[in-house]
Amino acid sequence: MANHSATKKDTRQAAKRRDRNKYYGKTTRNAIRDLKAISDKKAYDEKIPEVASMIDKLAKRGIIHKNKAANLKSKLAKKKA
Protein backbone atom coordinates (compact mmCIF):
# COMPACT_ATOMS: atom_id res chain seq x y z
CA MET A 1 0.00 0.00 0.00
CA ALA A 2 1.28 3.44 -0.90
CA ASN A 3 2.17 6.00 1.71
CA HIS A 4 1.52 9.20 -0.21
CA SER A 5 -1.87 10.74 0.42
CA ALA A 6 -2.39 11.43 -3.29
CA THR A 7 -1.79 7.77 -4.12
CA LYS A 8 -4.17 6.66 -1.38
CA LYS A 9 -6.81 8.99 -2.79
CA ASP A 10 -6.17 7.65 -6.30
CA THR A 11 -6.63 4.10 -5.00
CA ARG A 12 -9.95 5.04 -3.41
CA GLN A 13 -11.13 6.73 -6.60
CA ALA A 14 -10.08 3.76 -8.74
CA ALA A 15 -12.05 1.40 -6.50
CA LYS A 16 -15.09 3.66 -6.69
CA ARG A 17 -14.86 3.86 -10.50
CA ARG A 18 -14.34 0.09 -10.78
CA ASP A 19 -17.47 -0.59 -8.73
CA ARG A 20 -19.47 1.92 -10.76
CA ASN A 21 -18.26 0.45 -14.05
CA LYS A 22 -19.10 -3.08 -12.89
CA TYR A 23 -22.59 -1.91 -11.97
CA TYR A 24 -23.19 -0.24 -15.35
CA GLY A 25 -21.81 -3.24 -17.24
CA LYS A 26 -23.86 -5.78 -15.31
CA THR A 27 -27.03 -3.70 -15.59
CA THR A 28 -26.59 -3.44 -19.35
CA ARG A 29 -25.86 -7.17 -19.72
CA ASN A 30 -29.04 -7.93 -17.78
CA ALA A 31 -31.02 -5.56 -20.01
CA ILE A 32 -29.65 -7.28 -23.12
CA ARG A 33 -30.54 -10.68 -21.68
CA ASP A 34 -34.07 -9.54 -20.88
CA LEU A 35 -34.43 -8.01 -24.34
CA LYS A 36 -33.37 -11.26 -26.02
CA ALA A 37 -35.99 -13.12 -23.97
CA ILE A 38 -38.83 -10.93 -25.29
CA SER A 39 -40.85 -12.76 -27.92
CA ASP A 40 -43.44 -10.04 -28.58
CA LYS A 41 -42.28 -7.93 -31.55
CA LYS A 42 -44.00 -4.75 -30.37
CA ALA A 43 -42.46 -4.93 -26.90
CA TYR A 44 -39.06 -5.66 -28.46
CA ASP A 45 -39.35 -2.59 -30.70
CA GLU A 46 -40.22 -0.40 -27.71
CA LYS A 47 -37.34 -1.69 -25.58
CA ILE A 48 -34.50 -1.75 -28.14
CA PRO A 49 -33.76 2.04 -28.16
CA GLU A 50 -33.36 2.03 -24.38
CA VAL A 51 -30.92 -0.89 -24.46
CA ALA A 52 -29.00 0.58 -27.41
CA SER A 53 -28.63 3.80 -25.44
CA MET A 54 -27.21 1.86 -22.48
CA ILE A 55 -24.71 0.15 -24.78
CA ASP A 56 -23.66 3.50 -26.29
CA LYS A 57 -23.10 4.94 -22.82
CA LEU A 58 -20.84 2.01 -21.92
CA ALA A 59 -18.76 2.66 -25.03
CA LYS A 60 -18.64 6.39 -24.33
CA ARG A 61 -17.43 5.79 -20.78
CA GLY A 62 -14.79 3.35 -22.02
CA ILE A 63 -16.23 0.35 -20.19
CA ILE A 64 -16.52 -1.57 -23.45
CA HIS A 65 -14.85 -0.97 -26.80
CA LYS A 66 -16.81 0.98 -29.42
CA ASN A 67 -16.62 -1.94 -31.86
CA LYS A 68 -18.07 -4.29 -29.25
CA ALA A 69 -20.91 -1.83 -28.73
CA ALA A 70 -21.53 -1.75 -32.48
CA ASN A 71 -21.51 -5.56 -32.64
CA LEU A 72 -23.96 -5.87 -29.76
CA LYS A 73 -26.37 -3.34 -31.29
CA SER A 74 -26.05 -5.03 -34.69
CA LYS A 75 -26.97 -8.42 -33.24
CA LEU A 76 -29.99 -6.96 -31.46
CA ALA A 77 -31.13 -5.17 -34.65
CA LYS A 78 -30.67 -8.39 -36.65
CA LYS A 79 -32.89 -10.26 -34.20
CA LYS A 80 -35.48 -7.51 -34.59
CA ALA A 81 -35.58 -8.04 -38.36
PDB file of N, CA and C in Angstrom:
ATOM      1  N   MET A   1       0.853  -1.189   0.000  1.00  0.00           N
ATOM      2  CA  MET A   1       0.000   0.000   0.000  1.00  0.00           C
ATOM      3  C   MET A   1       0.894   1.245   0.000  1.00  0.00           C
ATOM      4  N   ALA A   2       0.487   2.212  -0.764  1.00  0.00           N
ATOM      5  CA  ALA A   2       1.277   3.435  -0.898  1.00  0.00           C
ATOM      6  C   ALA A   2       1.162   4.302   0.350  1.00  0.00           C
ATOM      7  N   ASN A   3       2.145   5.142   0.531  1.00  0.00           N
ATOM      8  CA  ASN A   3       2.169   6.005   1.708  1.00  0.00           C
ATOM      9  C   ASN A   3       1.789   7.441   1.395  1.00  0.00           C
ATOM     10  N   HIS A   4       1.865   7.827   0.145  1.00  0.00           N
ATOM     11  CA  HIS A   4       1.517   9.202  -0.205  1.00  0.00           C
ATOM     12  C   HIS A   4       0.004   9.379  -0.193  1.00  0.00           C
ATOM     13  N   SER A   5      -0.433  10.510   0.312  1.00  0.00           N
ATOM     14  CA  SER A   5      -1.865  10.740   0.424  1.00  0.00           C
ATOM     15  C   SER A   5      -2.523  10.796  -0.946  1.00  0.00           C
ATOM     16  N   ALA A   6      -1.826  11.353  -1.946  1.00  0.00           N
ATOM     17  CA  ALA A   6      -2.395  11.432  -3.293  1.00  0.00           C
ATOM     18  C   ALA A   6      -2.591  10.036  -3.879  1.00  0.00           C
ATOM     19  N   THR A   7      -1.668   9.132  -3.606  1.00  0.00           N
ATOM     20  CA  THR A   7      -1.785   7.772  -4.117  1.00  0.00           C
ATOM     21  C   THR A   7      -2.903   7.026  -3.411  1.00  0.00           C
ATOM     22  N   LYS A   8      -3.065   7.276  -2.115  1.00  0.00           N
ATOM     23  CA  LYS A   8      -4.168   6.659  -1.382  1.00  0.00           C
ATOM     24  C   LYS A   8      -5.510   7.135  -1.934  1.00  0.00           C
ATOM     25  N   LYS A   9      -5.578   8.430  -2.220  1.00  0.00           N
ATOM     26  CA  LYS A   9      -6.806   8.988  -2.791  1.00  0.00           C
ATOM     27  C   LYS A   9      -7.068   8.365  -4.160  1.00  0.00           C
ATOM     28  N   ASP A  10      -6.024   8.236  -4.979  1.00  0.00           N
ATOM     29  CA  ASP A  10      -6.174   7.648  -6.304  1.00  0.00           C
ATOM     30  C   ASP A  10      -6.669   6.207  -6.209  1.00  0.00           C
ATOM     31  N   THR A  11      -6.187   5.473  -5.217  1.00  0.00           N
ATOM     32  CA  THR A  11      -6.630   4.098  -5.002  1.00  0.00           C
ATOM     33  C   THR A  11      -8.112   4.061  -4.644  1.00  0.00           C
ATOM     34  N   ARG A  12      -8.535   4.979  -3.782  1.00  0.00           N
ATOM     35  CA  ARG A  12      -9.950   5.043  -3.413  1.00  0.00           C
ATOM     36  C   ARG A  12     -10.810   5.378  -4.623  1.00  0.00           C
ATOM     37  N   GLN A  13     -10.362   6.335  -5.423  1.00  0.00           N
ATOM     38  CA  GLN A  13     -11.126   6.733  -6.605  1.00  0.00           C
ATOM     39  C   GLN A  13     -11.206   5.595  -7.616  1.00  0.00           C
ATOM     40  N   ALA A  14     -10.098   4.871  -7.791  1.00  0.00           N
ATOM     41  CA  ALA A  14     -10.078   3.759  -8.736  1.00  0.00           C
ATOM     42  C   ALA A  14     -11.067   2.673  -8.305  1.00  0.00           C
ATOM     43  N   ALA A  15     -11.112   2.407  -7.000  1.00  0.00           N
ATOM     44  CA  ALA A  15     -12.046   1.400  -6.496  1.00  0.00           C
ATOM     45  C   ALA A  15     -13.487   1.838  -6.719  1.00  0.00           C
ATOM     46  N   LYS A  16     -13.750   3.127  -6.499  1.00  0.00           N
ATOM     47  CA  LYS A  16     -15.089   3.661  -6.695  1.00  0.00           C
ATOM     48  C   LYS A  16     -15.504   3.551  -8.170  1.00  0.00           C
ATOM     49  N   ARG A  17     -14.575   3.927  -9.058  1.00  0.00           N
ATOM     50  CA  ARG A  17     -14.856   3.858 -10.504  1.00  0.00           C
ATOM     51  C   ARG A  17     -15.057   2.412 -10.947  1.00  0.00           C
ATOM     52  N   ARG A  18     -14.231   1.503 -10.417  1.00  0.00           N
ATOM     53  CA  ARG A  18     -14.340   0.092 -10.777  1.00  0.00           C
ATOM     54  C   ARG A  18     -15.712  -0.451 -10.388  1.00  0.00           C
ATOM     55  N   ASP A  19     -16.150  -0.133  -9.177  1.00  0.00           N
ATOM     56  CA  ASP A  19     -17.469  -0.594  -8.727  1.00  0.00           C
ATOM     57  C   ASP A  19     -18.581  -0.011  -9.594  1.00  0.00           C
ATOM     58  N   ARG A  20     -18.453   1.263  -9.923  1.00  0.00           N
ATOM     59  CA  ARG A  20     -19.467   1.916 -10.758  1.00  0.00           C
ATOM     60  C   ARG A  20     -19.505   1.291 -12.150  1.00  0.00           C
ATOM     61  N   ASN A  21     -18.329   1.049 -12.720  1.00  0.00           N
ATOM     62  CA  ASN A  21     -18.261   0.452 -14.050  1.00  0.00           C
ATOM     63  C   ASN A  21     -18.825  -0.968 -14.061  1.00  0.00           C
ATOM     64  N   LYS A  22     -18.536  -1.734 -12.993  1.00  0.00           N
ATOM     65  CA  LYS A  22     -19.096  -3.078 -12.893  1.00  0.00           C
ATOM     66  C   LYS A  22     -20.610  -3.027 -12.822  1.00  0.00           C
ATOM     67  N   TYR A  23     -21.148  -2.052 -12.090  1.00  0.00           N
ATOM     68  CA  TYR A  23     -22.592  -1.906 -11.972  1.00  0.00           C
ATOM     69  C   TYR A  23     -23.215  -1.593 -13.334  1.00  0.00           C
ATOM     70  N   TYR A  24     -22.643  -0.614 -14.047  1.00  0.00           N
ATOM     71  CA  TYR A  24     -23.186  -0.241 -15.350  1.00  0.00           C
ATOM     72  C   TYR A  24     -23.109  -1.409 -16.329  1.00  0.00           C
ATOM     73  N   GLY A  25     -21.980  -2.115 -16.328  1.00  0.00           N
ATOM     74  CA  GLY A  25     -21.815  -3.238 -17.241  1.00  0.00           C
ATOM     75  C   GLY A  25     -22.790  -4.355 -16.947  1.00  0.00           C
ATOM     76  N   LYS A  26     -22.952  -4.693 -15.692  1.00  0.00           N
ATOM     77  CA  LYS A  26     -23.862  -5.776 -15.311  1.00  0.00           C
ATOM     78  C   LYS A  26     -25.304  -5.394 -15.602  1.00  0.00           C
ATOM     79  N   THR A  27     -25.676  -4.151 -15.327  1.00  0.00           N
ATOM     80  CA  THR A  27     -27.030  -3.699 -15.590  1.00  0.00           C
ATOM     81  C   THR A  27     -27.341  -3.779 -17.082  1.00  0.00           C
ATOM     82  N   THR A  28     -26.390  -3.393 -17.906  1.00  0.00           N
ATOM     83  CA  THR A  28     -26.591  -3.440 -19.351  1.00  0.00           C
ATOM     84  C   THR A  28     -26.670  -4.886 -19.839  1.00  0.00           C
ATOM     85  N   ARG A  29     -25.806  -5.757 -19.322  1.00  0.00           N
ATOM     86  CA  ARG A  29     -25.862  -7.172 -19.717  1.00  0.00           C
ATOM     87  C   ARG A  29     -27.213  -7.783 -19.348  1.00  0.00           C
ATOM     88  N   ASN A  30     -27.728  -7.425 -18.182  1.00  0.00           N
ATOM     89  CA  ASN A  30     -29.042  -7.929 -17.781  1.00  0.00           C
ATOM     90  C   ASN A  30     -30.129  -7.401 -18.706  1.00  0.00           C
ATOM     91  N   ALA A  31     -30.024  -6.139 -19.105  1.00  0.00           N
ATOM     92  CA  ALA A  31     -31.020  -5.558 -20.006  1.00  0.00           C
ATOM     93  C   ALA A  31     -30.983  -6.251 -21.360  1.00  0.00           C
ATOM     94  N   ILE A  32     -29.784  -6.571 -21.839  1.00  0.00           N
ATOM     95  CA  ILE A  32     -29.646  -7.279 -23.116  1.00  0.00           C
ATOM     96  C   ILE A  32     -30.254  -8.673 -23.006  1.00  0.00           C
ATOM     97  N   ARG A  33     -29.978  -9.346 -21.897  1.00  0.00           N
ATOM     98  CA  ARG A  33     -30.536 -10.683 -21.681  1.00  0.00           C
ATOM     99  C   ARG A  33     -32.058 -10.642 -21.660  1.00  0.00           C
ATOM    100  N   ASP A  34     -32.615  -9.664 -20.951  1.00  0.00           N
ATOM    101  CA  ASP A  34     -34.067  -9.535 -20.879  1.00  0.00           C
ATOM    102  C   ASP A  34     -34.662  -9.200 -22.245  1.00  0.00           C
ATOM    103  N   LEU A  35     -33.947  -8.375 -23.008  1.00  0.00           N
ATOM    104  CA  LEU A  35     -34.432  -8.012 -24.342  1.00  0.00           C
ATOM    105  C   LEU A  35     -34.452  -9.230 -25.256  1.00  0.00           C
ATOM    106  N   LYS A  36     -33.416 -10.058 -25.183  1.00  0.00           N
ATOM    107  CA  LYS A  36     -33.368 -11.257 -26.019  1.00  0.00           C
ATOM    108  C   LYS A  36     -34.487 -12.232 -25.665  1.00  0.00           C
ATOM    109  N   ALA A  37     -34.943 -12.199 -24.421  1.00  0.00           N
ATOM    110  CA  ALA A  37     -35.986 -13.119 -23.970  1.00  0.00           C
ATOM    111  C   ALA A  37     -37.381 -12.687 -24.424  1.00  0.00           C
ATOM    112  N   ILE A  38     -37.517 -11.433 -24.864  1.00  0.00           N
ATOM    113  CA  ILE A  38     -38.831 -10.934 -25.287  1.00  0.00           C
ATOM    114  C   ILE A  38     -39.201 -11.576 -26.615  1.00  0.00           C
ATOM    115  N   SER A  39     -40.399 -12.142 -26.677  1.00  0.00           N
ATOM    116  CA  SER A  39     -40.853 -12.765 -27.918  1.00  0.00           C
ATOM    117  C   SER A  39     -41.846 -11.870 -28.662  1.00  0.00           C
ATOM    118  N   ASP A  40     -42.470 -10.943 -27.961  1.00  0.00           N
ATOM    119  CA  ASP A  40     -43.445 -10.043 -28.579  1.00  0.00           C
ATOM    120  C   ASP A  40     -42.714  -8.956 -29.374  1.00  0.00           C
ATOM    121  N   LYS A  41     -42.996  -8.861 -30.675  1.00  0.00           N
ATOM    122  CA  LYS A  41     -42.280  -7.931 -31.552  1.00  0.00           C
ATOM    123  C   LYS A  41     -42.494  -6.476 -31.141  1.00  0.00           C
ATOM    124  N   LYS A  42     -43.707  -6.138 -30.743  1.00  0.00           N
ATOM    125  CA  LYS A  42     -44.001  -4.751 -30.373  1.00  0.00           C
ATOM    126  C   LYS A  42     -43.226  -4.347 -29.121  1.00  0.00           C
ATOM    127  N   ALA A  43     -43.204  -5.214 -28.133  1.00  0.00           N
ATOM    128  CA  ALA A  43     -42.464  -4.935 -26.901  1.00  0.00           C
ATOM    129  C   ALA A  43     -40.971  -4.844 -27.185  1.00  0.00           C
ATOM    130  N   TYR A  44     -40.485  -5.692 -28.096  1.00  0.00           N
ATOM    131  CA  TYR A  44     -39.065  -5.663 -28.464  1.00  0.00           C
ATOM    132  C   TYR A  44     -38.719  -4.329 -29.112  1.00  0.00           C
ATOM    133  N   ASP A  45     -39.588  -3.860 -30.005  1.00  0.00           N
ATOM    134  CA  ASP A  45     -39.353  -2.587 -30.696  1.00  0.00           C
ATOM    135  C   ASP A  45     -39.338  -1.408 -29.726  1.00  0.00           C
ATOM    136  N   GLU A  46     -40.166  -1.478 -28.692  1.00  0.00           N
ATOM    137  CA  GLU A  46     -40.220  -0.395 -27.712  1.00  0.00           C
ATOM    138  C   GLU A  46     -38.982  -0.386 -26.812  1.00  0.00           C
ATOM    139  N   LYS A  47     -38.439  -1.568 -26.547  1.00  0.00           N
ATOM    140  CA  LYS A  47     -37.336  -1.691 -25.583  1.00  0.00           C
ATOM    141  C   LYS A  47     -35.961  -1.492 -26.212  1.00  0.00           C
ATOM    142  N   ILE A  48     -35.836  -1.751 -27.510  1.00  0.00           N
ATOM    143  CA  ILE A  48     -34.501  -1.746 -28.136  1.00  0.00           C
ATOM    144  C   ILE A  48     -33.810  -0.383 -28.087  1.00  0.00           C
ATOM    145  N   PRO A  49     -34.492   0.760 -28.251  1.00  0.00           N
ATOM    146  CA  PRO A  49     -33.756   2.036 -28.163  1.00  0.00           C
ATOM    147  C   PRO A  49     -33.149   2.275 -26.778  1.00  0.00           C
ATOM    148  N   GLU A  50     -33.850   1.853 -25.758  1.00  0.00           N
ATOM    149  CA  GLU A  50     -33.356   2.031 -24.384  1.00  0.00           C
ATOM    150  C   GLU A  50     -32.079   1.214 -24.160  1.00  0.00           C
ATOM    151  N   VAL A  51     -32.080  -0.022 -24.627  1.00  0.00           N
ATOM    152  CA  VAL A  51     -30.919  -0.886 -24.455  1.00  0.00           C
ATOM    153  C   VAL A  51     -29.756  -0.396 -25.325  1.00  0.00           C
ATOM    154  N   ALA A  52     -30.053   0.052 -26.535  1.00  0.00           N
ATOM    155  CA  ALA A  52     -29.004   0.579 -27.411  1.00  0.00           C
ATOM    156  C   ALA A  52     -28.356   1.808 -26.783  1.00  0.00           C
ATOM    157  N   SER A  53     -29.150   2.623 -26.125  1.00  0.00           N
ATOM    158  CA  SER A  53     -28.626   3.798 -25.440  1.00  0.00           C
ATOM    159  C   SER A  53     -27.689   3.388 -24.303  1.00  0.00           C
ATOM    160  N   MET A  54     -28.067   2.352 -23.566  1.00  0.00           N
ATOM    161  CA  MET A  54     -27.206   1.865 -22.480  1.00  0.00           C
ATOM    162  C   MET A  54     -25.871   1.367 -23.035  1.00  0.00           C
ATOM    163  N   ILE A  55     -25.931   0.667 -24.166  1.00  0.00           N
ATOM    164  CA  ILE A  55     -24.713   0.151 -24.784  1.00  0.00           C
ATOM    165  C   ILE A  55     -23.821   1.308 -25.233  1.00  0.00           C
ATOM    166  N   ASP A  56     -24.432   2.333 -25.848  1.00  0.00           N
ATOM    167  CA  ASP A  56     -23.664   3.501 -26.290  1.00  0.00           C
ATOM    168  C   ASP A  56     -22.989   4.204 -25.113  1.00  0.00           C
ATOM    169  N   LYS A  57     -23.677   4.292 -23.993  1.00  0.00           N
ATOM    170  CA  LYS A  57     -23.095   4.940 -22.818  1.00  0.00           C
ATOM    171  C   LYS A  57     -21.894   4.154 -22.286  1.00  0.00           C
ATOM    172  N   LEU A  58     -21.982   2.810 -22.341  1.00  0.00           N
ATOM    173  CA  LEU A  58     -20.836   2.008 -21.918  1.00  0.00           C
ATOM    174  C   LEU A  58     -19.626   2.287 -22.800  1.00  0.00           C
ATOM    175  N   ALA A  59     -19.865   2.391 -24.103  1.00  0.00           N
ATOM    176  CA  ALA A  59     -18.762   2.660 -25.030  1.00  0.00           C
ATOM    177  C   ALA A  59     -18.208   4.060 -24.801  1.00  0.00           C
ATOM    178  N   LYS A  60     -19.091   5.017 -24.549  1.00  0.00           N
ATOM    179  CA  LYS A  60     -18.645   6.392 -24.327  1.00  0.00           C
ATOM    180  C   LYS A  60     -17.798   6.496 -23.063  1.00  0.00           C
ATOM    181  N   ARG A  61     -18.165   5.755 -22.039  1.00  0.00           N
ATOM    182  CA  ARG A  61     -17.433   5.786 -20.779  1.00  0.00           C
ATOM    183  C   ARG A  61     -16.146   4.965 -20.840  1.00  0.00           C
ATOM    184  N   GLY A  62     -15.991   4.162 -21.892  1.00  0.00           N
ATOM    185  CA  GLY A  62     -14.794   3.350 -22.023  1.00  0.00           C
ATOM    186  C   GLY A  62     -14.873   2.027 -21.291  1.00  0.00           C
ATOM    187  N   ILE A  63     -16.067   1.624 -20.892  1.00  0.00           N
ATOM    188  CA  ILE A  63     -16.230   0.354 -20.185  1.00  0.00           C
ATOM    189  C   ILE A  63     -16.131  -0.795 -21.181  1.00  0.00           C
ATOM    190  N   ILE A  64     -16.687  -0.599 -22.374  1.00  0.00           N
ATOM    191  CA  ILE A  64     -16.519  -1.566 -23.452  1.00  0.00           C
ATOM    192  C   ILE A  64     -15.985  -0.822 -24.669  1.00  0.00           C
ATOM    193  N   HIS A  65     -15.401  -1.563 -25.595  1.00  0.00           N
ATOM    194  CA  HIS A  65     -14.849  -0.970 -26.805  1.00  0.00           C
ATOM    195  C   HIS A  65     -15.984  -0.557 -27.737  1.00  0.00           C
ATOM    196  N   LYS A  66     -15.754   0.479 -28.540  1.00  0.00           N
ATOM    197  CA  LYS A  66     -16.812   0.980 -29.419  1.00  0.00           C
ATOM    198  C   LYS A  66     -17.214  -0.054 -30.460  1.00  0.00           C
ATOM    199  N   ASN A  67     -16.275  -0.904 -30.896  1.00  0.00           N
ATOM    200  CA  ASN A  67     -16.625  -1.942 -31.860  1.00  0.00           C
ATOM    201  C   ASN A  67     -17.490  -3.021 -31.217  1.00  0.00           C
ATOM    202  N   LYS A  68     -17.231  -3.325 -29.961  1.00  0.00           N
ATOM    203  CA  LYS A  68     -18.067  -4.293 -29.249  1.00  0.00           C
ATOM    204  C   LYS A  68     -19.482  -3.748 -29.110  1.00  0.00           C
ATOM    205  N   ALA A  69     -19.585  -2.458 -28.825  1.00  0.00           N
ATOM    206  CA  ALA A  69     -20.906  -1.829 -28.730  1.00  0.00           C
ATOM    207  C   ALA A  69     -21.634  -1.932 -30.066  1.00  0.00           C
ATOM    208  N   ALA A  70     -20.920  -1.669 -31.150  1.00  0.00           N
ATOM    209  CA  ALA A  70     -21.527  -1.749 -32.478  1.00  0.00           C
ATOM    210  C   ALA A  70     -21.973  -3.177 -32.780  1.00  0.00           C
ATOM    211  N   ASN A  71     -21.147  -4.158 -32.398  1.00  0.00           N
ATOM    212  CA  ASN A  71     -21.507  -5.559 -32.645  1.00  0.00           C
ATOM    213  C   ASN A  71     -22.737  -5.961 -31.842  1.00  0.00           C
ATOM    214  N   LEU A  72     -22.805  -5.533 -30.582  1.00  0.00           N
ATOM    215  CA  LEU A  72     -23.964  -5.869 -29.756  1.00  0.00           C
ATOM    216  C   LEU A  72     -25.245  -5.275 -30.343  1.00  0.00           C
ATOM    217  N   LYS A  73     -25.181  -4.008 -30.722  1.00  0.00           N
ATOM    218  CA  LYS A  73     -26.366  -3.342 -31.289  1.00  0.00           C
ATOM    219  C   LYS A  73     -26.762  -3.984 -32.620  1.00  0.00           C
ATOM    220  N   SER A  74     -25.772  -4.387 -33.403  1.00  0.00           N
ATOM    221  CA  SER A  74     -26.048  -5.028 -34.690  1.00  0.00           C
ATOM    222  C   SER A  74     -26.773  -6.354 -34.489  1.00  0.00           C
ATOM    223  N   LYS A  75     -26.318  -7.124 -33.512  1.00  0.00           N
ATOM    224  CA  LYS A  75     -26.966  -8.420 -33.237  1.00  0.00           C
ATOM    225  C   LYS A  75     -28.404  -8.225 -32.773  1.00  0.00           C
ATOM    226  N   LEU A  76     -28.628  -7.217 -31.937  1.00  0.00           N
ATOM    227  CA  LEU A  76     -29.992  -6.957 -31.462  1.00  0.00           C
ATOM    228  C   LEU A  76     -30.889  -6.508 -32.612  1.00  0.00           C
ATOM    229  N   ALA A  77     -30.343  -5.660 -33.508  1.00  0.00           N
ATOM    230  CA  ALA A  77     -31.125  -5.172 -34.648  1.00  0.00           C
ATOM    231  C   ALA A  77     -31.422  -6.322 -35.610  1.00  0.00           C
ATOM    232  N   LYS A  78     -30.460  -7.243 -35.753  1.00  0.00           N
ATOM    233  CA  LYS A  78     -30.667  -8.386 -36.649  1.00  0.00           C
ATOM    234  C   LYS A  78     -31.782  -9.275 -36.124  1.00  0.00           C
ATOM    235  N   LYS A  79     -31.834  -9.443 -34.809  1.00  0.00           N
ATOM    236  CA  LYS A  79     -32.891 -10.257 -34.204  1.00  0.00           C
ATOM    237  C   LYS A  79     -34.245  -9.585 -34.395  1.00  0.00           C
ATOM    238  N   LYS A  80     -34.248  -8.259 -34.383  1.00  0.00           N
ATOM    239  CA  LYS A  80     -35.481  -7.506 -34.587  1.00  0.00           C
ATOM    240  C   LYS A  80     -36.044  -7.779 -35.977  1.00  0.00           C
ATOM    241  N   ALA A  81     -35.159  -7.802 -36.971  1.00  0.00           N
ATOM    242  CA  ALA A  81     -35.581  -8.042 -38.360  1.00  0.00           C
ATOM    243  C   ALA A  81     -35.878  -9.516 -38.539  1.00  0.00           C
TER     244      ALA A  81
END
